[in-house]
C-alpha atoms as a PDB file:
ATOM      1  CA  UNK A   1       8.503  75.784  -7.307  1.00  0.00           C
ATOM      2  CA  UNK A   2       5.023  77.576  -7.152  1.00  0.00           C
ATOM      3  CA  UNK A   3       4.062  78.977  -3.781  1.00  0.00           C
ATOM      4  CA  UNK A   4       6.733  78.815  -1.317  1.00  0.00           C
ATOM      5  CA  UNK A   5       7.503  79.312   2.474  1.00  0.00           C
ATOM      6  CA  UNK A   6      10.666  80.781   3.820  1.00  0.00           C
ATOM      7  CA  UNK A   7      12.090  79.806   7.220  1.00  0.00           C
ATOM      8  CA  UNK A   8      15.298  81.229   8.705  1.00  0.00           C
ATOM      9  CA  UNK A   9      17.524  78.182   9.965  1.00  0.00           C
ATOM     10  CA  UNK A  10      21.051  77.989  10.904  1.00  0.00           C
ATOM     11  CA  UNK A  11      23.626  75.449   9.284  1.00  0.00           C
ATOM     12  CA  UNK A  12      25.591  74.330  12.248  1.00  0.00           C
ATOM     13  CA  UNK A  13      27.714  71.775  10.798  1.00  0.00           C
ATOM     14  CA  UNK A  14      28.794  70.350   7.443  1.00  0.00           C
ATOM     15  CA  UNK A  15      30.185  66.857   7.839  1.00  0.00           C
ATOM     16  CA  UNK A  16      32.180  65.496   4.899  1.00  0.00           C
ATOM     17  CA  UNK A  17      33.832  62.019   5.144  1.00  0.00           C
ATOM     18  CA  UNK A  18      35.342  60.029   2.513  1.00  0.00           C
ATOM     19  CA  UNK A  19      34.519  56.691   4.038  1.00  0.00           C
ATOM     20  CA  UNK A  20      32.196  54.964   6.459  1.00  0.00           C
ATOM     21  CA  UNK A  21      32.986  54.996  10.185  1.00  0.00           C
ATOM     22  CA  UNK A  22      30.346  52.687  11.556  1.00  0.00           C
ATOM     23  CA  UNK A  23      30.354  49.288   9.914  1.00  0.00           C
ATOM     24  CA  UNK A  24      31.232  45.682  11.380  1.00  0.00           C
ATOM     25  CA  UNK A  25      30.531  45.182  15.190  1.00  0.00           C
ATOM     26  CA  UNK A  26      30.296  48.046  17.450  1.00  0.00           C
ATOM     27  CA  UNK A  27      32.345  46.321  20.102  1.00  0.00           C
ATOM     28  CA  UNK A  28      35.317  46.537  17.731  1.00  0.00           C
ATOM     29  CA  UNK A  29      35.014  50.448  17.651  1.00  0.00           C
ATOM     30  CA  UNK A  30      34.384  52.868  14.856  1.00  0.00           C
ATOM     31  CA  UNK A  31      36.874  53.167  12.030  1.00  0.00           C
ATOM     32  CA  UNK A  32      39.312  55.888  12.255  1.00  0.00           C
ATOM     33  CA  UNK A  33      38.311  57.846   8.969  1.00  0.00           C
ATOM     34  CA  UNK A  34      39.084  61.414   8.202  1.00  0.00           C
ATOM     35  CA  UNK A  35      36.071  63.619   8.841  1.00  0.00           C
ATOM     36  CA  UNK A  36      35.778  67.209   8.184  1.00  0.00           C
ATOM     37  CA  UNK A  37      33.381  69.782   9.706  1.00  0.00           C
ATOM     38  CA  UNK A  38      33.679  72.036   6.964  1.00  0.00           C
ATOM     39  CA  UNK A  39      32.868  75.744   6.837  1.00  0.00           C
ATOM     40  CA  UNK A  40      31.553  75.233   3.149  1.00  0.00           C
ATOM     41  CA  UNK A  41      30.606  72.118   1.141  1.00  0.00           C
ATOM     42  CA  UNK A  42      30.333  71.823  -2.478  1.00  0.00           C
ATOM     43  CA  UNK A  43      27.230  70.153  -3.711  1.00  0.00           C
ATOM     44  CA  UNK A  44      27.118  68.615  -7.172  1.00  0.00           C
ATOM     45  CA  UNK A  45      23.539  68.082  -8.766  1.00  0.00           C
ATOM     46  CA  UNK A  46      22.805  64.365  -9.029  1.00  0.00           C
ATOM     47  CA  UNK A  47      26.094  63.286  -7.206  1.00  0.00           C
ATOM     48  CA  UNK A  48      26.056  64.849  -3.606  1.00  0.00           C
ATOM     49  CA  UNK A  49      28.790  66.494  -1.564  1.00  0.00           C
ATOM     50  CA  UNK A  50      32.217  66.540  -2.988  1.00  0.00           C
ATOM     51  CA  UNK A  51      34.592  64.312  -1.065  1.00  0.00           C
ATOM     52  CA  UNK A  52      31.852  62.522   0.787  1.00  0.00           C
ATOM     53  CA  UNK A  53      31.406  58.807   0.979  1.00  0.00           C
ATOM     54  CA  UNK A  54      28.160  58.850  -0.895  1.00  0.00           C
ATOM     55  CA  UNK A  55      29.355  61.312  -3.764  1.00  0.00           C
ATOM     56  CA  UNK A  56      28.559  59.942  -7.195  1.00  0.00           C
ATOM     57  CA  UNK A  57      27.780  56.412  -5.892  1.00  0.00           C
ATOM     58  CA  UNK A  58      24.802  54.959  -8.187  1.00  0.00           C
ATOM     59  CA  UNK A  59      23.233  53.222  -5.159  1.00  0.00           C
ATOM     60  CA  UNK A  60      22.873  56.531  -3.165  1.00  0.00           C
ATOM     61  CA  UNK A  61      22.074  59.090  -6.096  1.00  0.00           C
ATOM     62  CA  UNK A  62      18.581  59.666  -4.522  1.00  0.00           C
ATOM     63  CA  UNK A  63      19.841  59.862  -1.036  1.00  0.00           C
ATOM     64  CA  UNK A  64      23.301  61.243  -1.207  1.00  0.00           C
ATOM     65  CA  UNK A  65      23.054  64.118   1.112  1.00  0.00           C
ATOM     66  CA  UNK A  66      21.542  63.805   4.732  1.00  0.00           C
ATOM     67  CA  UNK A  67      19.747  66.707   6.546  1.00  0.00           C
ATOM     68  CA  UNK A  68      19.462  66.634  10.225  1.00  0.00           C
ATOM     69  CA  UNK A  69      17.809  68.983  12.832  1.00  0.00           C
ATOM     70  CA  UNK A  70      19.871  69.275  15.891  1.00  0.00           C
ATOM     71  CA  UNK A  71      16.683  69.494  18.004  1.00  0.00           C
ATOM     72  CA  UNK A  72      16.258  65.877  17.473  1.00  0.00           C
ATOM     73  CA  UNK A  73      19.690  65.110  19.357  1.00  0.00           C
ATOM     74  CA  UNK A  74      18.696  67.622  21.970  1.00  0.00           C
ATOM     75  CA  UNK A  75      15.317  65.805  22.581  1.00  0.00           C
ATOM     76  CA  UNK A  76      16.908  62.367  22.456  1.00  0.00           C
ATOM     77  CA  UNK A  77      19.688  63.392  25.024  1.00  0.00           C
ATOM     78  CA  UNK A  78      16.763  64.749  27.193  1.00  0.00           C
ATOM     79  CA  UNK A  79      14.777  61.720  26.959  1.00  0.00           C
ATOM     80  CA  UNK A  80      17.718  59.507  27.848  1.00  0.00           C
ATOM     81  CA  UNK A  81      19.020  61.810  30.698  1.00  0.00           C
ATOM     82  CA  UNK A  82      22.277  62.092  28.824  1.00  0.00           C
ATOM     83  CA  UNK A  83      24.796  65.169  28.409  1.00  0.00           C
ATOM     84  CA  UNK A  84      24.263  66.834  25.087  1.00  0.00           C
ATOM     85  CA  UNK A  85      25.556  64.803  22.204  1.00  0.00           C
ATOM     86  CA  UNK A  86      28.221  65.783  19.681  1.00  0.00           C
ATOM     87  CA  UNK A  87      26.105  66.199  16.408  1.00  0.00           C
ATOM     88  CA  UNK A  88      28.962  64.939  14.283  1.00  0.00           C
ATOM     89  CA  UNK A  89      28.511  61.441  15.878  1.00  0.00           C
ATOM     90  CA  UNK A  90      25.297  61.004  14.142  1.00  0.00           C
ATOM     91  CA  UNK A  91      27.264  61.241  10.691  1.00  0.00           C
ATOM     92  CA  UNK A  92      24.738  63.378   9.006  1.00  0.00           C
ATOM     93  CA  UNK A  93      26.013  65.738   6.287  1.00  0.00           C
ATOM     94  CA  UNK A  94      24.127  68.958   7.032  1.00  0.00           C
ATOM     95  CA  UNK A  95      23.136  69.677  10.637  1.00  0.00           C
ATOM     96  CA  UNK A  96      20.482  72.449  10.868  1.00  0.00           C
ATOM     97  CA  UNK A  97      18.755  74.329  13.767  1.00  0.00           C
ATOM     98  CA  UNK A  98      15.106  75.371  13.315  1.00  0.00           C
ATOM     99  CA  UNK A  99      14.421  73.018  10.350  1.00  0.00           C
ATOM    100  CA  UNK A 100      11.376  70.883  10.441  1.00  0.00           C
ATOM    101  CA  UNK A 101      12.363  68.173   7.937  1.00  0.00           C
ATOM    102  CA  UNK A 102       9.846  65.408   7.748  1.00  0.00           C
ATOM    103  CA  UNK A 103       7.129  67.342   5.674  1.00  0.00           C
ATOM    104  CA  UNK A 104       9.907  67.762   2.959  1.00  0.00           C
ATOM    105  CA  UNK A 105       9.842  64.193   2.289  1.00  0.00           C
ATOM    106  CA  UNK A 106       8.809  63.876  -1.318  1.00  0.00           C
ATOM    107  CA  UNK A 107       9.228  67.564  -2.004  1.00  0.00           C
ATOM    108  CA  UNK A 108      11.703  69.719  -3.917  1.00  0.00           C
ATOM    109  CA  UNK A 109      13.039  72.494  -1.589  1.00  0.00           C
ATOM    110  CA  UNK A 110      16.030  74.796  -1.475  1.00  0.00           C
ATOM    111  CA  UNK A 111      18.676  75.667   1.152  1.00  0.00           C
ATOM    112  CA  UNK A 112      20.013  79.289   0.736  1.00  0.00           C
ATOM    113  CA  UNK A 113      23.379  80.162   2.512  1.00  0.00           C
ATOM    114  CA  UNK A 114      26.210  82.523   1.936  1.00  0.00           C
ATOM    115  CA  UNK A 115      24.438  84.064  -1.113  1.00  0.00           C
ATOM    116  CA  UNK A 116      23.999  80.819  -2.925  1.00  0.00           C
ATOM    117  CA  UNK A 117      21.011  78.316  -3.338  1.00  0.00           C
ATOM    118  CA  UNK A 118      21.097  74.572  -3.544  1.00  0.00           C
ATOM    119  CA  UNK A 119      17.981  72.640  -4.346  1.00  0.00           C
ATOM    120  CA  UNK A 120      17.127  69.325  -2.985  1.00  0.00           C
ATOM    121  CA  UNK A 121      14.569  66.497  -3.290  1.00  0.00           C
ATOM    122  CA  UNK A 122      13.521  64.897  -0.049  1.00  0.00           C
ATOM    123  CA  UNK A 123      13.802  61.294  -0.670  1.00  0.00           C
ATOM    124  CA  UNK A 124      13.394  59.277   2.611  1.00  0.00           C
ATOM    125  CA  UNK A 125      14.018  59.082   6.412  1.00  0.00           C
ATOM    126  CA  UNK A 126      17.713  58.741   7.414  1.00  0.00           C
ATOM    127  CA  UNK A 127      17.362  55.716   9.487  1.00  0.00           C
ATOM    128  CA  UNK A 128      19.762  55.382  12.369  1.00  0.00           C
ATOM    129  CA  UNK A 129      21.873  52.454  12.789  1.00  0.00           C
ATOM    130  CA  UNK A 130      22.427  50.453  15.908  1.00  0.00           C
ATOM    131  CA  UNK A 131      25.757  52.110  16.238  1.00  0.00           C
ATOM    132  CA  UNK A 132      23.989  55.178  17.798  1.00  0.00           C
ATOM    133  CA  UNK A 133      23.684  53.085  21.089  1.00  0.00           C
ATOM    134  CA  UNK A 134      27.441  52.797  21.136  1.00  0.00           C
ATOM    135  CA  UNK A 135      28.437  56.239  19.833  1.00  0.00           C
ATOM    136  CA  UNK A 136      25.712  58.433  21.590  1.00  0.00           C
ATOM    137  CA  UNK A 137      24.220  56.471  24.573  1.00  0.00           C
ATOM    138  CA  UNK A 138      22.459  53.193  25.209  1.00  0.00           C
ATOM    139  CA  UNK A 139      18.836  53.646  24.025  1.00  0.00           C
ATOM    140  CA  UNK A 140      19.957  56.200  21.303  1.00  0.00           C
ATOM    141  CA  UNK A 141      19.231  54.010  18.373  1.00  0.00           C
ATOM    142  CA  UNK A 142      15.519  53.450  19.196  1.00  0.00           C
ATOM    143  CA  UNK A 143      15.009  56.971  20.314  1.00  0.00           C
ATOM    144  CA  UNK A 144      16.431  58.290  16.937  1.00  0.00           C
ATOM    145  CA  UNK A 145      13.833  56.375  14.969  1.00  0.00           C
ATOM    146  CA  UNK A 146      11.744  58.686  13.070  1.00  0.00           C
ATOM    147  CA  UNK A 147      13.810  61.716  13.774  1.00  0.00           C
ATOM    148  CA  UNK A 148      17.217  60.693  12.289  1.00  0.00           C
ATOM    149  CA  UNK A 149      16.725  63.377   9.507  1.00  0.00           C
ATOM    150  CA  UNK A 150      16.139  62.997   5.887  1.00  0.00           C
ATOM    151  CA  UNK A 151      18.123  61.619   2.844  1.00  0.00           C
ATOM    152  CA  UNK A 152      18.048  63.952  -0.207  1.00  0.00           C
ATOM    153  CA  UNK A 153      18.901  64.049  -3.834  1.00  0.00           C
ATOM    154  CA  UNK A 154      20.847  67.209  -4.920  1.00  0.00           C
ATOM    155  CA  UNK A 155      18.754  68.857  -7.832  1.00  0.00           C
ATOM    156  CA  UNK A 156      21.356  71.697  -8.280  1.00  0.00           C
ATOM    157  CA  UNK A 157      24.937  72.581  -7.758  1.00  0.00           C
ATOM    158  CA  UNK A 158      26.199  75.107  -5.318  1.00  0.00           C
ATOM    159  CA  UNK A 159      27.950  75.871  -2.052  1.00  0.00           C
ATOM    160  CA  UNK A 160      26.532  75.447   1.336  1.00  0.00           C
ATOM    161  CA  UNK A 161      28.041  77.561   3.894  1.00  0.00           C
ATOM    162  CA  UNK A 162      27.795  77.200   7.849  1.00  0.00           C
ATOM    163  CA  UNK A 163      25.878  80.020   9.496  1.00  0.00           C
ATOM    164  CA  UNK A 164      22.558  81.690   8.872  1.00  0.00           C
ATOM    165  CA  UNK A 165      20.465  80.146   6.146  1.00  0.00           C
ATOM    166  CA  UNK A 166      17.149  80.132   4.568  1.00  0.00           C
ATOM    167  CA  UNK A 167      14.893  76.902   4.006  1.00  0.00           C
ATOM    168  CA  UNK A 168      12.541  77.575   1.146  1.00  0.00           C
ATOM    169  CA  UNK A 169       9.728  74.991   1.189  1.00  0.00           C
ATOM    170  CA  UNK A 170       6.729  74.178  -1.022  1.00  0.00           C
ATOM    171  CA  UNK A 171       4.651  73.297   2.080  1.00  0.00           C
ATOM    172  CA  UNK A 172       4.162  74.842   5.467  1.00  0.00           C
ATOM    173  CA  UNK A 173       6.640  73.729   8.159  1.00  0.00           C
ATOM    174  CA  UNK A 174       6.441  74.033  12.055  1.00  0.00           C
ATOM    175  CA  UNK A 175      10.042  74.702  13.228  1.00  0.00           C
ATOM    176  CA  UNK A 176       8.791  73.964  16.821  1.00  0.00           C
ATOM    177  CA  UNK A 177       8.342  70.238  15.597  1.00  0.00           C
ATOM    178  CA  UNK A 178      12.034  69.984  14.429  1.00  0.00           C
ATOM    179  CA  UNK A 179      12.859  67.504  17.344  1.00  0.00           C
ATOM    180  CA  UNK A 180       9.693  65.453  17.148  1.00  0.00           C
ATOM    181  CA  UNK A 181       9.690  61.831  15.881  1.00  0.00           C
ATOM    182  CA  UNK A 182       7.581  61.001  13.063  1.00  0.00           C
ATOM    183  CA  UNK A 183       7.048  57.912  10.916  1.00  0.00           C
ATOM    184  CA  UNK A 184       5.385  59.810   7.894  1.00  0.00           C
ATOM    185  CA  UNK A 185       6.482  58.228   4.621  1.00  0.00           C
ATOM    186  CA  UNK A 186       6.173  60.093   1.312  1.00  0.00           C
ATOM    187  CA  UNK A 187       3.462  58.782  -0.961  1.00  0.00           C
ATOM    188  CA  UNK A 188       4.538  56.605  -3.941  1.00  0.00           C
ATOM    189  CA  UNK A 189       1.679  57.718  -5.914  1.00  0.00           C
ATOM    190  CA  UNK A 190       2.210  60.512  -8.650  1.00  0.00           C
END
């Protein structure tokens, strides 16, 4: 990885769900699907999180795992004058505290937790869907744009565990910016 920067973060939640909960019309309500807030999640290189709806799906190989900074939800709730949101309602796989994620778009990076390391490639923004207005609060969908987390490809296999973790980045990050909106897009040039 060359030069790297290490940041203490926390893995707060590991969401694993075998199917989509948000599809169709919001007025019909979310689907009742089994969802686990796991203590540990098994990541398989090139496939994603075992048991998750995107695991091994060809259309999602480059974006099978979503990472999300809980500070984004806290900032959105404050902006909307709402009570704190349940982070699981955003349906992101790995909810972190202290992780400035946007600079990781287009980068290879590592999450170390529970004595194991899992490498990822930051692929693209995890765009929010209109369901956020229904599941979180009116106005949450537009407020979440640019801070819905990042979708990643798993580069190595391993176990992620809830609790203290280290984010190893090839670029400097600013953890104080974890909840800030950004429309930065990775370059498509080599």
